[in-house]
């Protein structure tokens, strides 16, 4: 029972932190407030070269070459994010769109806006943005932002 409560608490804290970022609320008393939204004038750039054209990333906070960077990842509707892994764990919340994510050895999980997902370090996964609307995903990386192509089956 305690683990369930702690998990629910962790999800609530993660979602409230994302909501604070998107609405401009201050995250803690020791840092300067940073606000970003999907519709703001973010600096979007291409995703790592392993991803097909159309994938974009915007850094929200931190240095992607160092631990603890936060990013938005955006892909067009119908886009498939090919199988890959990260050296870092990632904490994600879908901001817009409908995204189906499949991790190696697990069933596909359908994400809707506001849904939290955790991706363990080094676990291969792929995703598909359903429909014709773009998918934007908030991702908090524990380590530097990277992606390594995965060749093989996820089943």
N, C-alpha and C. Protein backbone atom coordinates (compact mmCIF):
# COMPACT_ATOMS: atom_id res chain seq x y z
N UNK A 1 0.82 -1.19 0.00
CA UNK A 1 0.00 0.00 0.00
C UNK A 1 0.86 1.25 0.00
N UNK A 2 1.96 1.26 0.75
CA UNK A 2 2.85 2.41 0.81
C UNK A 2 3.45 2.70 -0.55
N UNK A 3 3.88 1.66 -1.28
CA UNK A 3 4.45 1.85 -2.62
C UNK A 3 3.45 2.49 -3.56
N UNK A 4 2.18 2.09 -3.47
CA UNK A 4 1.15 2.66 -4.32
C UNK A 4 0.99 4.14 -4.01
N UNK A 5 0.96 4.48 -2.74
CA UNK A 5 0.83 5.89 -2.36
C UNK A 5 2.03 6.69 -2.82
N UNK A 6 3.23 6.16 -2.66
CA UNK A 6 4.42 6.87 -3.09
C UNK A 6 4.43 7.05 -4.60
N UNK A 7 4.01 6.04 -5.36
CA UNK A 7 3.96 6.15 -6.81
C UNK A 7 2.96 7.22 -7.22
N UNK A 8 1.78 7.21 -6.61
CA UNK A 8 0.77 8.20 -6.93
C UNK A 8 1.29 9.60 -6.58
N UNK A 9 1.96 9.72 -5.44
CA UNK A 9 2.55 11.00 -5.05
C UNK A 9 3.58 11.46 -6.07
N UNK A 10 4.45 10.54 -6.51
CA UNK A 10 5.48 10.89 -7.50
C UNK A 10 4.87 11.37 -8.80
N UNK A 11 3.83 10.69 -9.23
CA UNK A 11 3.15 11.10 -10.47
C UNK A 11 2.52 12.46 -10.29
N UNK A 12 1.87 12.69 -9.17
CA UNK A 12 1.24 13.98 -8.91
C UNK A 12 2.27 15.10 -8.89
N UNK A 13 3.41 14.87 -8.25
CA UNK A 13 4.47 15.88 -8.20
C UNK A 13 5.00 16.15 -9.60
N UNK A 14 5.23 15.10 -10.40
CA UNK A 14 5.73 15.27 -11.76
C UNK A 14 4.75 16.07 -12.60
N UNK A 15 3.46 15.72 -12.52
CA UNK A 15 2.46 16.44 -13.30
C UNK A 15 2.32 17.89 -12.85
N UNK A 16 2.39 18.14 -11.54
CA UNK A 16 2.28 19.51 -11.08
C UNK A 16 3.49 20.32 -11.50
N UNK A 17 4.67 19.69 -11.58
CA UNK A 17 5.86 20.39 -12.05
C UNK A 17 5.74 20.77 -13.51
N UNK A 18 5.21 19.85 -14.32
CA UNK A 18 5.01 20.16 -15.74
C UNK A 18 3.98 21.26 -15.89
N UNK A 19 2.89 21.16 -15.13
CA UNK A 19 1.86 22.19 -15.18
C UNK A 19 2.45 23.55 -14.79
N UNK A 20 3.31 23.55 -13.79
CA UNK A 20 3.95 24.80 -13.37
C UNK A 20 4.81 25.36 -14.49
N UNK A 21 5.55 24.51 -15.17
CA UNK A 21 6.38 24.97 -16.29
C UNK A 21 5.52 25.58 -17.38
N UNK A 22 4.41 24.93 -17.69
CA UNK A 22 3.58 25.37 -18.79
C UNK A 22 2.77 26.62 -18.45
N UNK A 23 2.47 26.84 -17.17
CA UNK A 23 1.68 27.99 -16.80
C UNK A 23 2.51 29.14 -16.24
N UNK A 24 3.79 28.91 -16.02
CA UNK A 24 4.65 29.97 -15.54
C UNK A 24 4.79 30.04 -14.05
N UNK A 25 4.27 29.09 -13.31
CA UNK A 25 4.40 29.11 -11.85
C UNK A 25 5.84 28.85 -11.44
N UNK A 26 6.22 29.38 -10.30
CA UNK A 26 7.57 29.17 -9.78
C UNK A 26 7.70 27.74 -9.26
N UNK A 27 8.80 27.05 -9.62
CA UNK A 27 8.99 25.66 -9.24
C UNK A 27 9.60 25.50 -7.86
N UNK A 28 10.50 26.37 -7.47
CA UNK A 28 11.02 26.30 -6.11
C UNK A 28 11.58 27.67 -5.73
N UNK A 29 11.80 27.84 -4.46
CA UNK A 29 12.19 29.15 -3.95
C UNK A 29 13.66 29.47 -4.20
N UNK A 30 14.47 28.50 -4.61
CA UNK A 30 15.89 28.75 -4.75
C UNK A 30 16.34 29.01 -6.18
N UNK A 31 15.47 28.89 -7.16
CA UNK A 31 15.87 29.10 -8.54
C UNK A 31 15.00 30.17 -9.19
N UNK A 32 15.51 30.70 -10.28
CA UNK A 32 14.73 31.67 -11.03
C UNK A 32 13.63 30.93 -11.77
N UNK A 33 12.48 31.55 -11.89
CA UNK A 33 11.41 30.88 -12.62
C UNK A 33 11.73 30.81 -14.12
N UNK A 34 11.37 29.69 -14.71
CA UNK A 34 11.55 29.49 -16.14
C UNK A 34 10.22 29.03 -16.68
N UNK A 35 9.71 29.69 -17.69
CA UNK A 35 8.45 29.28 -18.28
C UNK A 35 8.62 29.04 -19.77
N UNK A 36 7.96 28.00 -20.25
CA UNK A 36 7.95 27.67 -21.67
C UNK A 36 6.60 27.06 -21.99
N UNK A 37 6.11 27.27 -23.19
CA UNK A 37 4.90 26.60 -23.63
C UNK A 37 5.11 26.13 -25.07
N UNK A 38 4.30 25.20 -25.48
CA UNK A 38 4.41 24.67 -26.84
C UNK A 38 4.19 25.78 -27.85
N UNK A 39 3.33 26.75 -27.51
CA UNK A 39 3.01 27.81 -28.46
C UNK A 39 3.96 29.01 -28.38
N UNK A 40 4.88 29.02 -27.44
CA UNK A 40 5.80 30.15 -27.33
C UNK A 40 6.89 30.06 -28.40
N UNK A 41 7.68 31.08 -28.49
CA UNK A 41 8.75 31.15 -29.49
C UNK A 41 9.96 30.33 -29.03
N UNK A 42 9.80 29.03 -28.98
CA UNK A 42 10.90 28.16 -28.61
C UNK A 42 11.87 28.01 -29.77
N UNK A 43 13.11 27.68 -29.46
CA UNK A 43 14.10 27.40 -30.50
C UNK A 43 14.06 25.90 -30.78
N UNK A 44 13.37 25.52 -31.84
CA UNK A 44 13.25 24.12 -32.22
C UNK A 44 14.40 23.77 -33.14
N UNK A 45 14.96 22.60 -32.95
CA UNK A 45 16.02 22.10 -33.81
C UNK A 45 15.77 20.64 -34.12
N UNK A 46 16.56 20.07 -35.00
CA UNK A 46 16.35 18.66 -35.35
C UNK A 46 16.73 17.73 -34.21
N UNK A 47 16.07 16.59 -34.18
CA UNK A 47 16.42 15.52 -33.23
C UNK A 47 17.73 14.90 -33.69
N UNK A 48 18.32 14.02 -32.86
CA UNK A 48 19.54 13.32 -33.30
C UNK A 48 19.33 12.65 -34.66
N UNK A 49 20.41 12.48 -35.39
CA UNK A 49 20.37 11.99 -36.77
C UNK A 49 19.75 10.60 -36.93
N UNK A 50 19.61 9.83 -35.86
CA UNK A 50 19.00 8.51 -35.99
C UNK A 50 17.50 8.59 -36.27
N UNK A 51 16.90 9.77 -36.04
CA UNK A 51 15.47 9.95 -36.25
C UNK A 51 15.21 10.54 -37.63
N UNK A 52 14.15 10.08 -38.33
CA UNK A 52 13.83 10.63 -39.64
C UNK A 52 13.48 12.12 -39.56
N UNK A 53 13.58 12.79 -40.68
CA UNK A 53 13.22 14.20 -40.79
C UNK A 53 11.80 14.40 -40.27
N UNK A 54 11.59 15.48 -39.56
CA UNK A 54 10.28 15.80 -39.00
C UNK A 54 10.28 15.84 -37.49
N UNK A 55 11.22 15.15 -36.88
CA UNK A 55 11.35 15.15 -35.42
C UNK A 55 12.09 16.42 -35.01
N UNK A 56 11.53 17.12 -34.03
CA UNK A 56 12.16 18.35 -33.54
C UNK A 56 12.29 18.29 -32.02
N UNK A 57 13.28 19.03 -31.52
CA UNK A 57 13.51 19.10 -30.08
C UNK A 57 13.75 20.56 -29.69
N UNK A 58 13.25 20.93 -28.53
CA UNK A 58 13.49 22.27 -27.97
C UNK A 58 13.94 22.09 -26.53
N UNK A 59 15.03 22.73 -26.17
CA UNK A 59 15.55 22.65 -24.81
C UNK A 59 14.78 23.64 -23.95
N UNK A 60 14.19 23.16 -22.88
CA UNK A 60 13.43 24.01 -21.97
C UNK A 60 14.29 24.52 -20.83
N UNK A 61 15.18 23.65 -20.35
CA UNK A 61 16.02 24.01 -19.21
C UNK A 61 17.24 23.11 -19.19
N UNK A 62 18.38 23.68 -18.84
CA UNK A 62 19.60 22.90 -18.71
C UNK A 62 20.39 22.81 -19.99
N UNK A 63 21.46 22.05 -19.93
CA UNK A 63 22.36 21.81 -21.04
C UNK A 63 22.21 20.35 -21.43
N UNK A 64 21.74 20.04 -22.66
CA UNK A 64 21.50 18.65 -23.04
C UNK A 64 22.74 17.76 -22.99
N UNK A 65 23.93 18.34 -22.94
CA UNK A 65 25.14 17.52 -22.85
C UNK A 65 25.49 17.18 -21.40
N UNK A 66 24.69 17.69 -20.46
CA UNK A 66 24.91 17.45 -19.03
C UNK A 66 23.66 16.84 -18.41
N UNK A 67 23.76 16.27 -17.23
CA UNK A 67 22.58 15.69 -16.57
C UNK A 67 21.50 16.73 -16.29
N UNK A 68 20.28 16.22 -16.22
CA UNK A 68 19.10 16.98 -15.78
C UNK A 68 18.63 18.06 -16.74
N UNK A 69 18.61 17.76 -18.03
CA UNK A 69 18.03 18.67 -19.01
C UNK A 69 16.56 18.31 -19.23
N UNK A 70 15.74 19.32 -19.47
CA UNK A 70 14.33 19.14 -19.79
C UNK A 70 14.12 19.59 -21.23
N UNK A 71 13.37 18.80 -22.00
CA UNK A 71 13.15 19.12 -23.41
C UNK A 71 11.70 18.86 -23.80
N UNK A 72 11.28 19.51 -24.88
CA UNK A 72 10.08 19.13 -25.61
C UNK A 72 10.56 18.38 -26.84
N UNK A 73 9.92 17.27 -27.16
CA UNK A 73 10.16 16.55 -28.40
C UNK A 73 8.85 16.60 -29.16
N UNK A 74 8.92 17.02 -30.44
CA UNK A 74 7.70 17.17 -31.24
C UNK A 74 7.86 16.42 -32.55
N UNK A 75 6.81 15.67 -32.93
CA UNK A 75 6.78 14.97 -34.21
C UNK A 75 5.42 15.21 -34.86
N UNK A 76 5.37 15.16 -36.20
CA UNK A 76 4.08 15.34 -36.87
C UNK A 76 3.19 14.12 -36.71
N UNK A 77 1.88 14.31 -36.94
CA UNK A 77 0.94 13.20 -36.90
C UNK A 77 1.36 12.12 -37.89
N UNK A 78 1.19 10.86 -37.49
CA UNK A 78 1.55 9.74 -38.32
C UNK A 78 3.02 9.35 -38.27
N UNK A 79 3.83 10.10 -37.56
CA UNK A 79 5.28 9.88 -37.49
C UNK A 79 5.60 8.68 -36.58
N UNK A 80 6.55 7.89 -37.01
CA UNK A 80 7.05 6.79 -36.18
C UNK A 80 8.44 7.13 -35.67
N UNK A 81 8.60 7.13 -34.37
CA UNK A 81 9.91 7.31 -33.75
C UNK A 81 10.54 5.92 -33.72
N UNK A 82 11.63 5.71 -34.47
CA UNK A 82 12.19 4.36 -34.58
C UNK A 82 12.77 3.86 -33.25
N UNK A 83 12.93 2.55 -33.17
CA UNK A 83 13.45 1.92 -31.96
C UNK A 83 14.82 2.50 -31.60
N UNK A 84 14.95 2.85 -30.33
CA UNK A 84 16.19 3.45 -29.83
C UNK A 84 16.24 3.29 -28.32
N UNK A 85 17.36 3.68 -27.73
CA UNK A 85 17.50 3.69 -26.28
C UNK A 85 18.28 4.93 -25.87
N UNK A 86 18.28 5.18 -24.58
CA UNK A 86 19.01 6.32 -24.00
C UNK A 86 19.89 5.78 -22.87
N UNK A 87 21.04 6.41 -22.64
CA UNK A 87 21.86 6.01 -21.49
C UNK A 87 21.24 6.49 -20.19
N UNK A 88 20.33 7.43 -20.28
CA UNK A 88 19.65 7.99 -19.12
C UNK A 88 18.23 7.48 -19.01
N UNK A 89 17.72 7.41 -17.80
CA UNK A 89 16.28 7.23 -17.62
C UNK A 89 15.60 8.51 -18.08
N UNK A 90 14.34 8.40 -18.44
CA UNK A 90 13.58 9.59 -18.86
C UNK A 90 12.20 9.57 -18.22
N UNK A 91 11.77 10.76 -17.80
CA UNK A 91 10.43 10.95 -17.25
C UNK A 91 9.67 11.82 -18.24
N UNK A 92 8.50 11.35 -18.66
CA UNK A 92 7.79 12.01 -19.75
C UNK A 92 6.34 12.30 -19.39
N UNK A 93 5.81 13.36 -20.00
CA UNK A 93 4.39 13.67 -19.96
C UNK A 93 4.01 14.12 -21.37
N UNK A 94 2.99 13.49 -21.94
CA UNK A 94 2.53 13.92 -23.26
C UNK A 94 1.78 15.24 -23.09
N UNK A 95 2.16 16.23 -23.87
CA UNK A 95 1.56 17.56 -23.78
C UNK A 95 0.43 17.70 -24.79
N UNK A 96 0.63 17.17 -26.00
CA UNK A 96 -0.43 17.23 -27.01
C UNK A 96 -0.30 16.04 -27.96
N UNK A 97 -1.44 15.64 -28.55
CA UNK A 97 -1.46 14.54 -29.48
C UNK A 97 -1.83 13.22 -28.81
N UNK A 98 -1.68 12.14 -29.55
CA UNK A 98 -1.93 10.78 -29.06
C UNK A 98 -0.71 9.96 -29.45
N UNK A 99 -0.02 9.38 -28.49
CA UNK A 99 1.24 8.68 -28.74
C UNK A 99 1.17 7.27 -28.17
N UNK A 100 1.57 6.30 -28.97
CA UNK A 100 1.66 4.92 -28.51
C UNK A 100 3.13 4.59 -28.37
N UNK A 101 3.54 4.16 -27.18
CA UNK A 101 4.94 3.86 -26.90
C UNK A 101 5.06 2.37 -26.57
N UNK A 102 6.08 1.73 -27.15
CA UNK A 102 6.32 0.31 -26.89
C UNK A 102 7.75 0.13 -26.42
N UNK A 103 7.91 -0.40 -25.21
CA UNK A 103 9.23 -0.72 -24.67
C UNK A 103 9.50 -2.21 -24.86
N UNK A 104 10.75 -2.56 -25.04
CA UNK A 104 11.14 -3.95 -25.24
C UNK A 104 10.59 -4.82 -24.11
N UNK A 105 9.89 -5.90 -24.50
CA UNK A 105 9.36 -6.83 -23.53
C UNK A 105 8.06 -6.41 -22.87
N UNK A 106 7.48 -5.28 -23.29
CA UNK A 106 6.25 -4.78 -22.67
C UNK A 106 5.18 -4.54 -23.74
N UNK A 107 3.95 -4.49 -23.31
CA UNK A 107 2.85 -4.17 -24.22
C UNK A 107 2.90 -2.68 -24.55
N UNK A 108 2.33 -2.34 -25.69
CA UNK A 108 2.25 -0.93 -26.09
C UNK A 108 1.39 -0.17 -25.09
N UNK A 109 1.77 1.08 -24.82
CA UNK A 109 1.02 1.95 -23.92
C UNK A 109 0.57 3.19 -24.70
N UNK A 110 -0.72 3.47 -24.66
CA UNK A 110 -1.27 4.64 -25.34
C UNK A 110 -1.23 5.83 -24.39
N UNK A 111 -0.59 6.89 -24.82
CA UNK A 111 -0.51 8.10 -24.01
C UNK A 111 -1.44 9.17 -24.59
N UNK A 112 -2.17 9.83 -23.72
CA UNK A 112 -3.01 10.97 -24.07
C UNK A 112 -2.43 12.18 -23.34
N UNK A 113 -2.80 13.39 -23.72
CA UNK A 113 -2.26 14.56 -23.03
C UNK A 113 -2.45 14.47 -21.51
N UNK A 114 -1.36 14.75 -20.80
CA UNK A 114 -1.37 14.72 -19.34
C UNK A 114 -0.93 13.40 -18.75
N UNK A 115 -0.72 12.38 -19.58
CA UNK A 115 -0.33 11.07 -19.06
C UNK A 115 1.18 11.02 -18.87
N UNK A 116 1.60 10.49 -17.72
CA UNK A 116 3.00 10.36 -17.34
C UNK A 116 3.51 8.98 -17.74
N UNK A 117 4.76 8.92 -18.18
CA UNK A 117 5.42 7.64 -18.47
C UNK A 117 6.87 7.74 -18.00
N UNK A 118 7.39 6.59 -17.56
CA UNK A 118 8.79 6.50 -17.14
C UNK A 118 9.48 5.51 -18.04
N UNK A 119 10.64 5.89 -18.56
CA UNK A 119 11.44 5.00 -19.39
C UNK A 119 12.77 4.72 -18.73
N UNK A 120 13.02 3.45 -18.36
CA UNK A 120 14.30 3.10 -17.74
C UNK A 120 15.48 3.32 -18.68
N UNK A 121 16.62 3.60 -18.14
CA UNK A 121 17.84 3.77 -18.93
C UNK A 121 18.13 2.50 -19.72
N UNK A 122 18.60 2.67 -20.92
CA UNK A 122 19.09 1.59 -21.80
C UNK A 122 18.02 0.62 -22.27
N UNK A 123 16.73 0.88 -22.00
CA UNK A 123 15.67 -0.02 -22.45
C UNK A 123 15.16 0.45 -23.82
N UNK A 124 15.35 -0.35 -24.87
CA UNK A 124 14.91 0.06 -26.21
C UNK A 124 13.39 0.27 -26.27
N UNK A 125 13.00 1.25 -27.07
CA UNK A 125 11.59 1.58 -27.24
C UNK A 125 11.37 2.30 -28.56
N UNK A 126 10.10 2.33 -28.98
CA UNK A 126 9.70 3.07 -30.17
C UNK A 126 8.35 3.70 -29.89
N UNK A 127 7.94 4.62 -30.76
CA UNK A 127 6.66 5.29 -30.54
C UNK A 127 6.04 5.68 -31.88
N UNK A 128 4.73 5.85 -31.85
CA UNK A 128 3.99 6.27 -33.04
C UNK A 128 3.00 7.35 -32.63
N UNK A 129 3.04 8.47 -33.37
CA UNK A 129 2.09 9.57 -33.15
C UNK A 129 0.85 9.27 -33.99
N UNK A 130 -0.26 8.98 -33.32
CA UNK A 130 -1.49 8.60 -34.01
C UNK A 130 -2.20 9.82 -34.59
N UNK A 131 -2.93 9.58 -35.65
CA UNK A 131 -3.74 10.64 -36.25
C UNK A 131 -2.91 11.64 -37.03
N UNK A 132 -3.54 12.79 -37.32
CA UNK A 132 -2.85 13.80 -38.12
C UNK A 132 -2.39 15.00 -37.30
N UNK A 133 -2.64 15.01 -36.00
CA UNK A 133 -2.18 16.10 -35.15
C UNK A 133 -0.78 15.80 -34.64
N UNK A 134 0.06 16.83 -34.46
CA UNK A 134 1.40 16.60 -33.93
C UNK A 134 1.35 16.07 -32.49
N UNK A 135 2.41 15.41 -32.10
CA UNK A 135 2.59 14.96 -30.72
C UNK A 135 3.76 15.73 -30.12
N UNK A 136 3.54 16.29 -28.95
CA UNK A 136 4.61 16.98 -28.22
C UNK A 136 4.74 16.31 -26.87
N UNK A 137 5.97 15.93 -26.54
CA UNK A 137 6.27 15.19 -25.33
C UNK A 137 7.26 15.98 -24.50
N UNK A 138 6.93 16.22 -23.23
CA UNK A 138 7.88 16.79 -22.28
C UNK A 138 8.73 15.64 -21.77
N UNK A 139 10.06 15.78 -21.83
CA UNK A 139 10.95 14.74 -21.33
C UNK A 139 11.98 15.35 -20.39
N UNK A 140 12.10 14.79 -19.20
CA UNK A 140 13.14 15.16 -18.24
C UNK A 140 14.15 14.02 -18.21
N UNK A 141 15.36 14.30 -18.61
CA UNK A 141 16.43 13.29 -18.63
C UNK A 141 17.24 13.39 -17.34
N UNK A 142 17.62 12.25 -16.78
CA UNK A 142 18.47 12.24 -15.59
C UNK A 142 19.94 12.45 -15.96
N UNK A 143 20.34 11.99 -17.12
CA UNK A 143 21.71 12.15 -17.62
C UNK A 143 21.69 12.99 -18.87
N UNK A 144 22.80 13.09 -19.58
CA UNK A 144 22.83 13.83 -20.83
C UNK A 144 21.81 13.27 -21.83
N UNK A 145 21.29 14.14 -22.68
CA UNK A 145 20.33 13.74 -23.71
C UNK A 145 21.07 13.03 -24.83
N UNK A 146 20.68 11.78 -25.09
CA UNK A 146 21.28 11.04 -26.20
C UNK A 146 20.26 10.05 -26.72
N UNK A 147 20.55 9.44 -27.85
CA UNK A 147 19.70 8.39 -28.42
C UNK A 147 20.57 7.50 -29.27
N UNK A 148 20.45 6.20 -29.06
CA UNK A 148 21.21 5.20 -29.83
C UNK A 148 20.20 4.32 -30.55
N UNK A 149 20.39 4.16 -31.86
CA UNK A 149 19.50 3.32 -32.65
C UNK A 149 19.53 1.89 -32.12
N UNK A 150 18.37 1.24 -32.15
CA UNK A 150 18.27 -0.15 -31.71
C UNK A 150 17.88 -1.00 -32.91
N UNK A 151 18.62 -2.04 -33.16
CA UNK A 151 18.31 -2.98 -34.22
C UNK A 151 17.90 -4.28 -33.57
N UNK A 152 16.71 -4.72 -33.86
CA UNK A 152 16.20 -5.95 -33.27
C UNK A 152 14.72 -5.81 -33.00
N UNK A 153 14.14 -6.82 -32.46
CA UNK A 153 12.72 -6.80 -32.15
C UNK A 153 12.50 -6.35 -30.71
N UNK A 154 11.38 -5.68 -30.49
CA UNK A 154 11.05 -5.22 -29.15
C UNK A 154 10.18 -6.23 -28.39
N UNK A 155 9.80 -7.30 -29.02
CA UNK A 155 8.91 -8.30 -28.38
C UNK A 155 9.62 -9.22 -27.45
